[in-house]
């Protein structure tokens, strides 16, 4: 790994730690964690107290033909909202990780809110 790649990775890890340091109330609310790459996006609802994933949604499992990345992120948000309802979760803490709250991350969050998740 080159020096530049290591610096980028270190910055990404620092941003994620900074975001997670502001997250509180995980005892009462599980964490909705978002992960994205250039091609894919996924979301997980995690109970940090027990160390268990309650629900997860990935774009790989959805029908994606003819859709933009933002549309796909909204579908993942809808899917995670439905799975959270089935698991009995209504309130979560949103963990965007090192990503800014715009574009695909924002689309996923808004779709999850429309399905009834509160954060």
PDB file of N, CA and C in Angstrom:
ATOM      1  N   UNK A   1       0.846  -1.171   0.000  1.00  0.00           N
ATOM      2  CA  UNK A   1       0.000   0.000   0.000  1.00  0.00           C
ATOM      3  C   UNK A   1       0.897   1.242   0.000  1.00  0.00           C
ATOM      4  N   UNK A   2       0.589   2.185  -0.856  1.00  0.00           N
ATOM      5  CA  UNK A   2       1.411   3.380  -0.966  1.00  0.00           C
ATOM      6  C   UNK A   2       1.146   4.329   0.195  1.00  0.00           C
ATOM      7  N   UNK A   3       2.008   5.324   0.332  1.00  0.00           N
ATOM      8  CA  UNK A   3       1.867   6.302   1.410  1.00  0.00           C
ATOM      9  C   UNK A   3       0.559   7.072   1.298  1.00  0.00           C
ATOM     10  N   UNK A   4       0.201   7.442   0.074  1.00  0.00           N
ATOM     11  CA  UNK A   4      -1.025   8.205  -0.139  1.00  0.00           C
ATOM     12  C   UNK A   4      -2.257   7.395   0.248  1.00  0.00           C
ATOM     13  N   UNK A   5      -2.264   6.118  -0.088  1.00  0.00           N
ATOM     14  CA  UNK A   5      -3.394   5.260   0.259  1.00  0.00           C
ATOM     15  C   UNK A   5      -3.502   5.092   1.772  1.00  0.00           C
ATOM     16  N   UNK A   6      -2.369   4.958   2.452  1.00  0.00           N
ATOM     17  CA  UNK A   6      -2.382   4.833   3.903  1.00  0.00           C
ATOM     18  C   UNK A   6      -2.933   6.092   4.547  1.00  0.00           C
ATOM     19  N   UNK A   7      -2.541   7.256   4.018  1.00  0.00           N
ATOM     20  CA  UNK A   7      -3.048   8.519   4.561  1.00  0.00           C
ATOM     21  C   UNK A   7      -4.557   8.630   4.378  1.00  0.00           C
ATOM     22  N   UNK A   8      -5.038   8.249   3.193  1.00  0.00           N
ATOM     23  CA  UNK A   8      -6.479   8.287   2.938  1.00  0.00           C
ATOM     24  C   UNK A   8      -7.232   7.375   3.896  1.00  0.00           C
ATOM     25  N   UNK A   9      -6.715   6.184   4.092  1.00  0.00           N
ATOM     26  CA  UNK A   9      -7.349   5.222   4.991  1.00  0.00           C
ATOM     27  C   UNK A   9      -7.347   5.730   6.425  1.00  0.00           C
ATOM     28  N   UNK A  10      -6.231   6.318   6.856  1.00  0.00           N
ATOM     29  CA  UNK A  10      -6.155   6.874   8.213  1.00  0.00           C
ATOM     30  C   UNK A  10      -7.157   8.001   8.401  1.00  0.00           C
ATOM     31  N   UNK A  11      -7.306   8.859   7.396  1.00  0.00           N
ATOM     32  CA  UNK A  11      -8.276   9.948   7.482  1.00  0.00           C
ATOM     33  C   UNK A  11      -9.706   9.416   7.575  1.00  0.00           C
ATOM     34  N   UNK A  12      -9.989   8.375   6.787  1.00  0.00           N
ATOM     35  CA  UNK A  12     -11.323   7.777   6.799  1.00  0.00           C
ATOM     36  C   UNK A  12     -11.628   7.179   8.166  1.00  0.00           C
ATOM     37  N   UNK A  13     -10.661   6.501   8.752  1.00  0.00           N
ATOM     38  CA  UNK A  13     -10.845   5.907  10.081  1.00  0.00           C
ATOM     39  C   UNK A  13     -11.045   6.992  11.123  1.00  0.00           C
ATOM     40  N   UNK A  14     -10.281   8.078  11.027  1.00  0.00           N
ATOM     41  CA  UNK A  14     -10.439   9.191  11.977  1.00  0.00           C
ATOM     42  C   UNK A  14     -11.825   9.815  11.882  1.00  0.00           C
ATOM     43  N   UNK A  15     -12.325  10.005  10.645  1.00  0.00           N
ATOM     44  CA  UNK A  15     -13.660  10.587  10.469  1.00  0.00           C
ATOM     45  C   UNK A  15     -14.724   9.676  11.071  1.00  0.00           C
ATOM     46  N   UNK A  16     -14.598   8.377  10.863  1.00  0.00           N
ATOM     47  CA  UNK A  16     -15.572   7.423  11.409  1.00  0.00           C
ATOM     48  C   UNK A  16     -15.546   7.440  12.929  1.00  0.00           C
ATOM     49  N   UNK A  17     -14.367   7.485  13.530  1.00  0.00           N
ATOM     50  CA  UNK A  17     -14.265   7.536  14.990  1.00  0.00           C
ATOM     51  C   UNK A  17     -14.876   8.816  15.539  1.00  0.00           C
ATOM     52  N   UNK A  18     -14.642   9.918  14.839  1.00  0.00           N
ATOM     53  CA  UNK A  18     -15.196  11.200  15.279  1.00  0.00           C
ATOM     54  C   UNK A  18     -16.715  11.167  15.223  1.00  0.00           C
ATOM     55  N   UNK A  19     -17.269  10.587  14.173  1.00  0.00           N
ATOM     56  CA  UNK A  19     -18.724  10.474  14.050  1.00  0.00           C
ATOM     57  C   UNK A  19     -19.280   9.593  15.162  1.00  0.00           C
ATOM     58  N   UNK A  20     -18.646   8.463  15.408  1.00  0.00           N
ATOM     59  CA  UNK A  20     -19.149   7.535  16.421  1.00  0.00           C
ATOM     60  C   UNK A  20     -18.980   8.064  17.834  1.00  0.00           C
ATOM     61  N   UNK A  21     -18.044   9.005  18.043  1.00  0.00           N
ATOM     62  CA  UNK A  21     -17.873   9.565  19.385  1.00  0.00           C
ATOM     63  C   UNK A  21     -19.057  10.430  19.785  1.00  0.00           C
ATOM     64  N   UNK A  22     -19.818  10.923  18.799  1.00  0.00           N
ATOM     65  CA  UNK A  22     -20.989  11.751  19.084  1.00  0.00           C
ATOM     66  C   UNK A  22     -22.257  10.922  19.263  1.00  0.00           C
ATOM     67  N   UNK A  23     -22.185   9.647  18.964  1.00  0.00           N
ATOM     68  CA  UNK A  23     -23.365   8.786  19.079  1.00  0.00           C
ATOM     69  C   UNK A  23     -23.548   8.384  20.534  1.00  0.00           C
ATOM     70  N   UNK A  24     -24.743   8.634  21.034  1.00  0.00           N
ATOM     71  CA  UNK A  24     -25.074   8.279  22.415  1.00  0.00           C
ATOM     72  C   UNK A  24     -26.399   7.520  22.431  1.00  0.00           C
ATOM     73  N   UNK A  25     -26.825   7.117  23.603  1.00  0.00           N
ATOM     74  CA  UNK A  25     -28.099   6.420  23.815  1.00  0.00           C
ATOM     75  C   UNK A  25     -28.145   5.067  23.106  1.00  0.00           C
ATOM     76  N   UNK A  26     -27.009   4.415  22.936  1.00  0.00           N
ATOM     77  CA  UNK A  26     -27.042   3.120  22.264  1.00  0.00           C
ATOM     78  C   UNK A  26     -27.600   2.031  23.172  1.00  0.00           C
ATOM     79  N   UNK A  27     -27.720   2.314  24.481  1.00  0.00           N
ATOM     80  CA  UNK A  27     -28.321   1.326  25.372  1.00  0.00           C
ATOM     81  C   UNK A  27     -29.811   1.194  25.072  1.00  0.00           C
ATOM     82  N   UNK A  28     -30.479   2.326  24.793  1.00  0.00           N
ATOM     83  CA  UNK A  28     -31.912   2.292  24.500  1.00  0.00           C
ATOM     84  C   UNK A  28     -32.194   2.129  23.020  1.00  0.00           C
ATOM     85  N   UNK A  29     -31.283   2.615  22.181  1.00  0.00           N
ATOM     86  CA  UNK A  29     -31.500   2.599  20.747  1.00  0.00           C
ATOM     87  C   UNK A  29     -30.371   1.851  20.041  1.00  0.00           C
ATOM     88  N   UNK A  30     -30.697   0.927  19.170  1.00  0.00           N
ATOM     89  CA  UNK A  30     -29.635   0.291  18.376  1.00  0.00           C
ATOM     90  C   UNK A  30     -29.092   1.273  17.332  1.00  0.00           C
ATOM     91  N   UNK A  31     -27.987   0.923  16.728  1.00  0.00           N
ATOM     92  CA  UNK A  31     -27.297   1.802  15.787  1.00  0.00           C
ATOM     93  C   UNK A  31     -27.586   1.358  14.359  1.00  0.00           C
ATOM     94  N   UNK A  32     -27.998   2.319  13.506  1.00  0.00           N
ATOM     95  CA  UNK A  32     -28.186   2.073  12.083  1.00  0.00           C
ATOM     96  C   UNK A  32     -26.916   2.512  11.376  1.00  0.00           C
ATOM     97  N   UNK A  33     -26.102   1.551  10.989  1.00  0.00           N
ATOM     98  CA  UNK A  33     -24.802   1.817  10.387  1.00  0.00           C
ATOM     99  C   UNK A  33     -24.889   1.681   8.869  1.00  0.00           C
ATOM    100  N   UNK A  34     -24.314   2.666   8.164  1.00  0.00           N
ATOM    101  CA  UNK A  34     -24.331   2.683   6.711  1.00  0.00           C
ATOM    102  C   UNK A  34     -22.927   2.444   6.187  1.00  0.00           C
ATOM    103  N   UNK A  35     -22.825   1.609   5.174  1.00  0.00           N
ATOM    104  CA  UNK A  35     -21.546   1.344   4.534  1.00  0.00           C
ATOM    105  C   UNK A  35     -21.754   1.443   3.032  1.00  0.00           C
ATOM    106  N   UNK A  36     -20.857   2.149   2.357  1.00  0.00           N
ATOM    107  CA  UNK A  36     -21.005   2.272   0.912  1.00  0.00           C
ATOM    108  C   UNK A  36     -19.653   2.145   0.230  1.00  0.00           C
ATOM    109  N   UNK A  37     -19.703   1.730  -1.019  1.00  0.00           N
ATOM    110  CA  UNK A  37     -18.513   1.683  -1.857  1.00  0.00           C
ATOM    111  C   UNK A  37     -18.874   2.394  -3.158  1.00  0.00           C
ATOM    112  N   UNK A  38     -18.021   2.303  -4.140  1.00  0.00           N
ATOM    113  CA  UNK A  38     -18.324   2.958  -5.405  1.00  0.00           C
ATOM    114  C   UNK A  38     -19.518   2.322  -6.105  1.00  0.00           C
ATOM    115  N   UNK A  39     -19.720   1.032  -5.904  1.00  0.00           N
ATOM    116  CA  UNK A  39     -20.801   0.327  -6.592  1.00  0.00           C
ATOM    117  C   UNK A  39     -21.976  -0.035  -5.693  1.00  0.00           C
ATOM    118  N   UNK A  40     -21.735  -0.302  -4.420  1.00  0.00           N
ATOM    119  CA  UNK A  40     -22.768  -0.881  -3.555  1.00  0.00           C
ATOM    120  C   UNK A  40     -23.002  -0.041  -2.303  1.00  0.00           C
ATOM    121  N   UNK A  41     -24.131  -0.316  -1.650  1.00  0.00           N
ATOM    122  CA  UNK A  41     -24.459   0.318  -0.371  1.00  0.00           C
ATOM    123  C   UNK A  41     -25.178  -0.710   0.495  1.00  0.00           C
ATOM    124  N   UNK A  42     -24.925  -0.633   1.792  1.00  0.00           N
ATOM    125  CA  UNK A  42     -25.578  -1.561   2.719  1.00  0.00           C
ATOM    126  C   UNK A  42     -25.870  -0.839   4.025  1.00  0.00           C
ATOM    127  N   UNK A  43     -26.788  -1.408   4.792  1.00  0.00           N
ATOM    128  CA  UNK A  43     -27.145  -0.851   6.097  1.00  0.00           C
ATOM    129  C   UNK A  43     -27.378  -1.989   7.071  1.00  0.00           C
ATOM    130  N   UNK A  44     -26.997  -1.746   8.326  1.00  0.00           N
ATOM    131  CA  UNK A  44     -27.203  -2.736   9.381  1.00  0.00           C
ATOM    132  C   UNK A  44     -27.749  -2.046  10.612  1.00  0.00           C
ATOM    133  N   UNK A  45     -28.626  -2.712  11.317  1.00  0.00           N
ATOM    134  CA  UNK A  45     -29.060  -2.248  12.627  1.00  0.00           C
ATOM    135  C   UNK A  45     -28.362  -3.133  13.643  1.00  0.00           C
ATOM    136  N   UNK A  46     -27.542  -2.507  14.488  1.00  0.00           N
ATOM    137  CA  UNK A  46     -26.657  -3.241  15.385  1.00  0.00           C
ATOM    138  C   UNK A  46     -26.987  -2.906  16.831  1.00  0.00           C
ATOM    139  N   UNK A  47     -27.109  -3.927  17.660  1.00  0.00           N
ATOM    140  CA  UNK A  47     -27.247  -3.753  19.105  1.00  0.00           C
ATOM    141  C   UNK A  47     -25.840  -3.869  19.696  1.00  0.00           C
ATOM    142  N   UNK A  48     -25.254  -2.726  20.075  1.00  0.00           N
ATOM    143  CA  UNK A  48     -23.876  -2.712  20.564  1.00  0.00           C
ATOM    144  C   UNK A  48     -23.735  -3.338  21.944  1.00  0.00           C
ATOM    145  N   UNK A  49     -24.794  -3.331  22.730  1.00  0.00           N
ATOM    146  CA  UNK A  49     -24.726  -3.929  24.057  1.00  0.00           C
ATOM    147  C   UNK A  49     -24.532  -5.443  23.970  1.00  0.00           C
ATOM    148  N   UNK A  50     -25.255  -6.077  23.066  1.00  0.00           N
ATOM    149  CA  UNK A  50     -25.169  -7.529  22.895  1.00  0.00           C
ATOM    150  C   UNK A  50     -24.166  -7.929  21.823  1.00  0.00           C
ATOM    151  N   UNK A  51     -23.788  -6.970  20.965  1.00  0.00           N
ATOM    152  CA  UNK A  51     -22.878  -7.284  19.875  1.00  0.00           C
ATOM    153  C   UNK A  51     -23.530  -8.106  18.783  1.00  0.00           C
ATOM    154  N   UNK A  52     -24.814  -7.796  18.483  1.00  0.00           N
ATOM    155  CA  UNK A  52     -25.596  -8.590  17.546  1.00  0.00           C
ATOM    156  C   UNK A  52     -26.163  -7.683  16.455  1.00  0.00           C
ATOM    157  N   UNK A  53     -26.176  -8.172  15.227  1.00  0.00           N
ATOM    158  CA  UNK A  53     -26.844  -7.473  14.136  1.00  0.00           C
ATOM    159  C   UNK A  53     -28.314  -7.883  14.135  1.00  0.00           C
ATOM    160  N   UNK A  54     -29.203  -6.904  14.290  1.00  0.00           N
ATOM    161  CA  UNK A  54     -30.637  -7.163  14.361  1.00  0.00           C
ATOM    162  C   UNK A  54     -31.227  -7.337  12.970  1.00  0.00           C
ATOM    163  N   UNK A  55     -30.849  -6.428  12.046  1.00  0.00           N
ATOM    164  CA  UNK A  55     -31.356  -6.486  10.683  1.00  0.00           C
ATOM    165  C   UNK A  55     -30.299  -5.921   9.745  1.00  0.00           C
ATOM    166  N   UNK A  56     -30.337  -6.373   8.501  1.00  0.00           N
ATOM    167  CA  UNK A  56     -29.397  -5.845   7.511  1.00  0.00           C
ATOM    168  C   UNK A  56     -30.054  -5.834   6.144  1.00  0.00           C
ATOM    169  N   UNK A  57     -29.581  -4.931   5.289  1.00  0.00           N
ATOM    170  CA  UNK A  57     -30.081  -4.834   3.919  1.00  0.00           C
ATOM    171  C   UNK A  57     -28.917  -4.476   3.008  1.00  0.00           C
ATOM    172  N   UNK A  58     -28.857  -5.156   1.857  1.00  0.00           N
ATOM    173  CA  UNK A  58     -27.795  -4.945   0.889  1.00  0.00           C
ATOM    174  C   UNK A  58     -28.410  -4.752  -0.488  1.00  0.00           C
ATOM    175  N   UNK A  59     -27.771  -3.947  -1.304  1.00  0.00           N
ATOM    176  CA  UNK A  59     -28.310  -3.728  -2.643  1.00  0.00           C
ATOM    177  C   UNK A  59     -28.081  -4.914  -3.562  1.00  0.00           C
ATOM    178  N   UNK A  60     -27.212  -5.811  -3.192  1.00  0.00           N
ATOM    179  CA  UNK A  60     -26.923  -6.972  -4.026  1.00  0.00           C
ATOM    180  C   UNK A  60     -28.158  -7.872  -4.142  1.00  0.00           C
ATOM    181  N   UNK A  61     -28.982  -7.869  -3.103  1.00  0.00           N
ATOM    182  CA  UNK A  61     -30.155  -8.747  -3.067  1.00  0.00           C
ATOM    183  C   UNK A  61     -31.385  -8.144  -3.750  1.00  0.00           C
ATOM    184  N   UNK A  62     -31.286  -6.905  -4.244  1.00  0.00           N
ATOM    185  CA  UNK A  62     -32.439  -6.214  -4.820  1.00  0.00           C
ATOM    186  C   UNK A  62     -32.347  -6.188  -6.346  1.00  0.00           C
ATOM    187  N   UNK A  63     -33.487  -5.944  -7.004  1.00  0.00           N
ATOM    188  CA  UNK A  63     -33.523  -5.796  -8.455  1.00  0.00           C
ATOM    189  C   UNK A  63     -33.092  -4.376  -8.797  1.00  0.00           C
ATOM    190  N   UNK A  64     -31.977  -4.226  -9.511  1.00  0.00           N
ATOM    191  CA  UNK A  64     -31.366  -2.912  -9.704  1.00  0.00           C
ATOM    192  C   UNK A  64     -31.370  -2.417 -11.142  1.00  0.00           C
ATOM    193  N   UNK A  65     -31.959  -3.128 -12.052  1.00  0.00           N
ATOM    194  CA  UNK A  65     -31.864  -2.770 -13.464  1.00  0.00           C
ATOM    195  C   UNK A  65     -32.512  -1.413 -13.737  1.00  0.00           C
ATOM    196  N   UNK A  66     -31.735  -0.533 -14.388  1.00  0.00           N
ATOM    197  CA  UNK A  66     -32.263   0.767 -14.802  1.00  0.00           C
ATOM    198  C   UNK A  66     -32.409   1.777 -13.692  1.00  0.00           C
ATOM    199  N   UNK A  67     -31.767   1.579 -12.565  1.00  0.00           N
ATOM    200  CA  UNK A  67     -31.895   2.502 -11.430  1.00  0.00           C
ATOM    201  C   UNK A  67     -30.559   3.184 -11.160  1.00  0.00           C
ATOM    202  N   UNK A  68     -30.638   4.414 -10.674  1.00  0.00           N
ATOM    203  CA  UNK A  68     -29.424   5.138 -10.310  1.00  0.00           C
ATOM    204  C   UNK A  68     -28.956   4.691  -8.931  1.00  0.00           C
ATOM    205  N   UNK A  69     -27.742   5.081  -8.563  1.00  0.00           N
ATOM    206  CA  UNK A  69     -27.204   4.707  -7.259  1.00  0.00           C
ATOM    207  C   UNK A  69     -28.043   5.288  -6.126  1.00  0.00           C
ATOM    208  N   UNK A  70     -28.571   6.509  -6.315  1.00  0.00           N
ATOM    209  CA  UNK A  70     -29.404   7.135  -5.292  1.00  0.00           C
ATOM    210  C   UNK A  70     -30.730   6.389  -5.138  1.00  0.00           C
ATOM    211  N   UNK A  71     -31.304   5.966  -6.252  1.00  0.00           N
ATOM    212  CA  UNK A  71     -32.543   5.171  -6.192  1.00  0.00           C
ATOM    213  C   UNK A  71     -32.304   3.843  -5.475  1.00  0.00           C
ATOM    214  N   UNK A  72     -31.162   3.233  -5.745  1.00  0.00           N
ATOM    215  CA  UNK A  72     -30.813   1.971  -5.102  1.00  0.00           C
ATOM    216  C   UNK A  72     -30.657   2.170  -3.597  1.00  0.00           C
ATOM    217  N   UNK A  73     -30.015   3.283  -3.196  1.00  0.00           N
ATOM    218  CA  UNK A  73     -29.844   3.581  -1.776  1.00  0.00           C
ATOM    219  C   UNK A  73     -31.199   3.761  -1.096  1.00  0.00           C
ATOM    220  N   UNK A  74     -32.144   4.390  -1.794  1.00  0.00           N
ATOM    221  CA  UNK A  74     -33.486   4.553  -1.238  1.00  0.00           C
ATOM    222  C   UNK A  74     -34.174   3.194  -1.072  1.00  0.00           C
ATOM    223  N   UNK A  75     -33.967   2.292  -2.015  1.00  0.00           N
ATOM    224  CA  UNK A  75     -34.532   0.944  -1.888  1.00  0.00           C
ATOM    225  C   UNK A  75     -33.947   0.207  -0.687  1.00  0.00           C
ATOM    226  N   UNK A  76     -32.649   0.371  -0.466  1.00  0.00           N
ATOM    227  CA  UNK A  76     -32.009  -0.258   0.699  1.00  0.00           C
ATOM    228  C   UNK A  76     -32.569   0.340   1.986  1.00  0.00           C
ATOM    229  N   UNK A  77     -32.801   1.651   2.007  1.00  0.00           N
ATOM    230  CA  UNK A  77     -33.397   2.295   3.173  1.00  0.00           C
ATOM    231  C   UNK A  77     -34.795   1.785   3.462  1.00  0.00           C
ATOM    232  N   UNK A  78     -35.579   1.600   2.415  1.00  0.00           N
ATOM    233  CA  UNK A  78     -36.923   1.045   2.578  1.00  0.00           C
ATOM    234  C   UNK A  78     -36.858  -0.375   3.122  1.00  0.00           C
ATOM    235  N   UNK A  79     -35.934  -1.162   2.576  1.00  0.00           N
ATOM    236  CA  UNK A  79     -35.773  -2.552   3.005  1.00  0.00           C
ATOM    237  C   UNK A  79     -35.361  -2.642   4.472  1.00  0.00           C
ATOM    238  N   UNK A  80     -34.406  -1.801   4.888  1.00  0.00           N
ATOM    239  CA  UNK A  80     -33.953  -1.844   6.292  1.00  0.00           C
ATOM    240  C   UNK A  80     -35.064  -1.368   7.216  1.00  0.00           C
ATOM    241  N   UNK A  81     -35.886  -0.422   6.758  1.00  0.00           N
ATOM    242  CA  UNK A  81     -37.025   0.021   7.560  1.00  0.00           C
ATOM    243  C   UNK A  81     -38.042  -1.083   7.778  1.00  0.00           C
ATOM    244  N   UNK A  82     -38.315  -1.850   6.734  1.00  0.00           N
ATOM    245  CA  UNK A  82     -39.262  -2.969   6.840  1.00  0.00           C
ATOM    246  C   UNK A  82     -38.727  -4.058   7.769  1.00  0.00           C
ATOM    247  N   UNK A  83     -37.446  -4.378   7.608  1.00  0.00           N
ATOM    248  CA  UNK A  83     -36.856  -5.418   8.453  1.00  0.00           C
ATOM    249  C   UNK A  83     -36.783  -4.979   9.917  1.00  0.00           C
ATOM    250  N   UNK A  84     -36.584  -3.690  10.146  1.00  0.00           N
ATOM    251  CA  UNK A  84     -36.551  -3.177  11.516  1.00  0.00           C
ATOM    252  C   UNK A  84     -37.929  -3.304  12.160  1.00  0.00           C
ATOM    253  N   UNK A  85     -38.973  -3.003  11.405  1.00  0.00           N
ATOM    254  CA  UNK A  85     -40.338  -3.161  11.920  1.00  0.00           C
ATOM    255  C   UNK A  85     -40.601  -4.611  12.310  1.00  0.00           C
ATOM    256  N   UNK A  86     -40.179  -5.529  11.451  1.00  0.00           N
ATOM    257  CA  UNK A  86     -40.378  -6.956  11.733  1.00  0.00           C
ATOM    258  C   UNK A  86     -39.643  -7.378  13.005  1.00  0.00           C
ATOM    259  N   UNK A  87     -38.483  -6.752  13.248  1.00  0.00           N
ATOM    260  CA  UNK A  87     -37.696  -7.083  14.439  1.00  0.00           C
ATOM    261  C   UNK A  87     -38.165  -6.312  15.669  1.00  0.00           C
ATOM    262  N   UNK A  88     -39.118  -5.396  15.497  1.00  0.00           N
ATOM    263  CA  UNK A  88     -39.662  -4.642  16.628  1.00  0.00           C
ATOM    264  C   UNK A  88     -38.840  -3.417  17.002  1.00  0.00           C
ATOM    265  N   UNK A  89     -38.066  -2.896  16.079  1.00  0.00           N
ATOM    266  CA  UNK A  89     -37.240  -1.716  16.336  1.00  0.00           C
ATOM    267  C   UNK A  89     -37.897  -0.514  15.679  1.00  0.00           C
ATOM    268  N   UNK A  90     -38.112   0.558  16.456  1.00  0.00           N
ATOM    269  CA  UNK A  90     -38.691   1.777  15.891  1.00  0.00           C
ATOM    270  C   UNK A  90     -37.758   2.975  16.027  1.00  0.00           C
ATOM    271  N   UNK A  91     -36.899   2.966  17.041  1.00  0.00           N
ATOM    272  CA  UNK A  91     -35.983   4.086  17.261  1.00  0.00           C
ATOM    273  C   UNK A  91     -34.541   3.603  17.134  1.00  0.00           C
ATOM    274  N   UNK A  92     -33.758   4.320  16.340  1.00  0.00           N
ATOM    275  CA  UNK A  92     -32.353   3.978  16.138  1.00  0.00           C
ATOM    276  C   UNK A  92     -31.505   5.238  16.216  1.00  0.00           C
ATOM    277  N   UNK A  93     -30.202   5.045  16.299  1.00  0.00           N
ATOM    278  CA  UNK A  93     -29.227   6.126  16.203  1.00  0.00           C
ATOM    279  C   UNK A  93     -28.555   5.959  14.852  1.00  0.00           C
ATOM    280  N   UNK A  94     -28.519   7.009  14.047  1.00  0.00           N
ATOM    281  CA  UNK A  94     -27.969   6.918  12.698  1.00  0.00           C
ATOM    282  C   UNK A  94     -26.457   7.094  12.739  1.00  0.00           C
ATOM    283  N   UNK A  95     -25.742   6.110  12.217  1.00  0.00           N
ATOM    284  CA  UNK A  95     -24.281   6.133  12.157  1.00  0.00           C
ATOM    285  C   UNK A  95     -23.870   6.197  10.695  1.00  0.00           C
ATOM    286  N   UNK A  96     -23.499   7.375  10.244  1.00  0.00           N
ATOM    287  CA  UNK A  96     -23.118   7.549   8.848  1.00  0.00           C
ATOM    288  C   UNK A  96     -21.670   7.188   8.596  1.00  0.00           C
ATOM    289  N   UNK A  97     -20.919   6.912   9.655  1.00  0.00           N
ATOM    290  CA  UNK A  97     -19.509   6.546   9.514  1.00  0.00           C
ATOM    291  C   UNK A  97     -18.692   7.704   8.985  1.00  0.00           C
ATOM    292  N   UNK A  98     -17.772   7.468   8.057  1.00  0.00           N
ATOM    293  CA  UNK A  98     -16.939   8.553   7.535  1.00  0.00           C
ATOM    294  C   UNK A  98     -17.597   9.325   6.391  1.00  0.00           C
ATOM    295  N   UNK A  99     -18.840   8.981   6.036  1.00  0.00           N
ATOM    296  CA  UNK A  99     -19.487   9.573   4.874  1.00  0.00           C
ATOM    297  C   UNK A  99     -20.285  10.812   5.257  1.00  0.00           C
ATOM    298  N   UNK A 100     -20.333  11.794   4.359  1.00  0.00           N
ATOM    299  CA  UNK A 100     -21.138  12.983   4.574  1.00  0.00           C
ATOM    300  C   UNK A 100     -22.615  12.637   4.414  1.00  0.00           C
ATOM    301  N   UNK A 101     -23.468  13.406   5.093  1.00  0.00           N
ATOM    302  CA  UNK A 101     -24.905  13.153   5.023  1.00  0.00           C
ATOM    303  C   UNK A 101     -25.473  13.871   3.801  1.00  0.00           C
ATOM    304  N   UNK A 102     -25.224  13.324   2.642  1.00  0.00           N
ATOM    305  CA  UNK A 102     -25.821  13.813   1.402  1.00  0.00           C
ATOM    306  C   UNK A 102     -25.736  12.707   0.362  1.00  0.00           C
ATOM    307  N   UNK A 103     -26.454  12.878  -0.711  1.00  0.00           N
ATOM    308  CA  UNK A 103     -26.423  11.878  -1.777  1.00  0.00           C
ATOM    309  C   UNK A 103     -27.046  10.567  -1.368  1.00  0.00           C
ATOM    310  N   UNK A 104     -26.298   9.486  -1.550  1.00  0.00           N
ATOM    311  CA  UNK A 104     -26.824   8.147  -1.289  1.00  0.00           C
ATOM    312  C   UNK A 104     -27.114   7.907   0.183  1.00  0.00           C
ATOM    313  N   UNK A 105     -26.268   8.439   1.062  1.00  0.00           N
ATOM    314  CA  UNK A 105     -26.479   8.248   2.507  1.00  0.00           C
ATOM    315  C   UNK A 105     -27.768   8.948   2.934  1.00  0.00           C
ATOM    316  N   UNK A 106     -27.985  10.151   2.426  1.00  0.00           N
ATOM    317  CA  UNK A 106     -29.196  10.900   2.756  1.00  0.00           C
ATOM    318  C   UNK A 106     -30.440  10.202   2.197  1.00  0.00           C
ATOM    319  N   UNK A 107     -30.354   9.677   0.984  1.00  0.00           N
ATOM    320  CA  UNK A 107     -31.483   8.974   0.378  1.00  0.00           C
ATOM    321  C   UNK A 107     -31.851   7.741   1.195  1.00  0.00           C
ATOM    322  N   UNK A 108     -30.855   7.003   1.657  1.00  0.00           N
ATOM    323  CA  UNK A 108     -31.101   5.827   2.484  1.00  0.00           C
ATOM    324  C   UNK A 108     -31.773   6.234   3.792  1.00  0.00           C
ATOM    325  N   UNK A 109     -31.277   7.296   4.414  1.00  0.00           N
ATOM    326  CA  UNK A 109     -31.837   7.746   5.692  1.00  0.00           C
ATOM    327  C   UNK A 109     -33.290   8.199   5.542  1.00  0.00           C
ATOM    328  N   UNK A 110     -33.573   8.967   4.500  1.00  0.00           N
ATOM    329  CA  UNK A 110     -34.940   9.451   4.300  1.00  0.00           C
ATOM    330  C   UNK A 110     -35.912   8.309   4.011  1.00  0.00           C
ATOM    331  N   UNK A 111     -35.477   7.314   3.249  1.00  0.00           N
ATOM    332  CA  UNK A 111     -36.331   6.165   2.956  1.00  0.00           C
ATOM    333  C   UNK A 111     -36.596   5.361   4.228  1.00  0.00           C
ATOM    334  N   UNK A 112     -35.581   5.229   5.084  1.00  0.00           N
ATOM    335  CA  UNK A 112     -35.771   4.511   6.356  1.00  0.00           C
ATOM    336  C   UNK A 112     -36.727   5.271   7.258  1.00  0.00           C
ATOM    337  N   UNK A 113     -36.638   6.590   7.255  1.00  0.00           N
ATOM    338  CA  UNK A 113     -37.582   7.414   8.037  1.00  0.00           C
ATOM    339  C   UNK A 113     -38.999   7.263   7.512  1.00  0.00           C
ATOM    340  N   UNK A 114     -39.163   7.211   6.202  1.00  0.00           N
ATOM    341  CA  UNK A 114     -40.489   7.038   5.632  1.00  0.00           C
ATOM    342  C   UNK A 114     -41.111   5.698   5.988  1.00  0.00           C
ATOM    343  N   UNK A 115     -40.285   4.706   6.279  1.00  0.00           N
ATOM    344  CA  UNK A 115     -40.785   3.395   6.693  1.00  0.00           C
ATOM    345  C   UNK A 115     -41.116   3.332   8.173  1.00  0.00           C
ATOM    346  N   UNK A 116     -40.847   4.419   8.908  1.00  0.00           N
ATOM    347  CA  UNK A 116     -41.237   4.454  10.309  1.00  0.00           C
ATOM    348  C   UNK A 116     -40.102   4.462  11.313  1.00  0.00           C
ATOM    349  N   UNK A 117     -38.856   4.415  10.873  1.00  0.00           N
ATOM    350  CA  UNK A 117     -37.730   4.489  11.823  1.00  0.00           C
ATOM    351  C   UNK A 117     -37.567   5.923  12.299  1.00  0.00           C
ATOM    352  N   UNK A 118     -37.294   6.082  13.578  1.00  0.00           N
ATOM    353  CA  UNK A 118     -37.074   7.408  14.153  1.00  0.00           C
ATOM    354  C   UNK A 118     -35.612   7.568  14.519  1.00  0.00           C
ATOM    355  N   UNK A 119     -34.996   8.645  14.023  1.00  0.00           N
ATOM    356  CA  UNK A 119     -33.640   9.019  14.418  1.00  0.00           C
ATOM    357  C   UNK A 119     -33.407  10.469  14.146  1.00  0.00           C
TER     358      UNK A 119
END
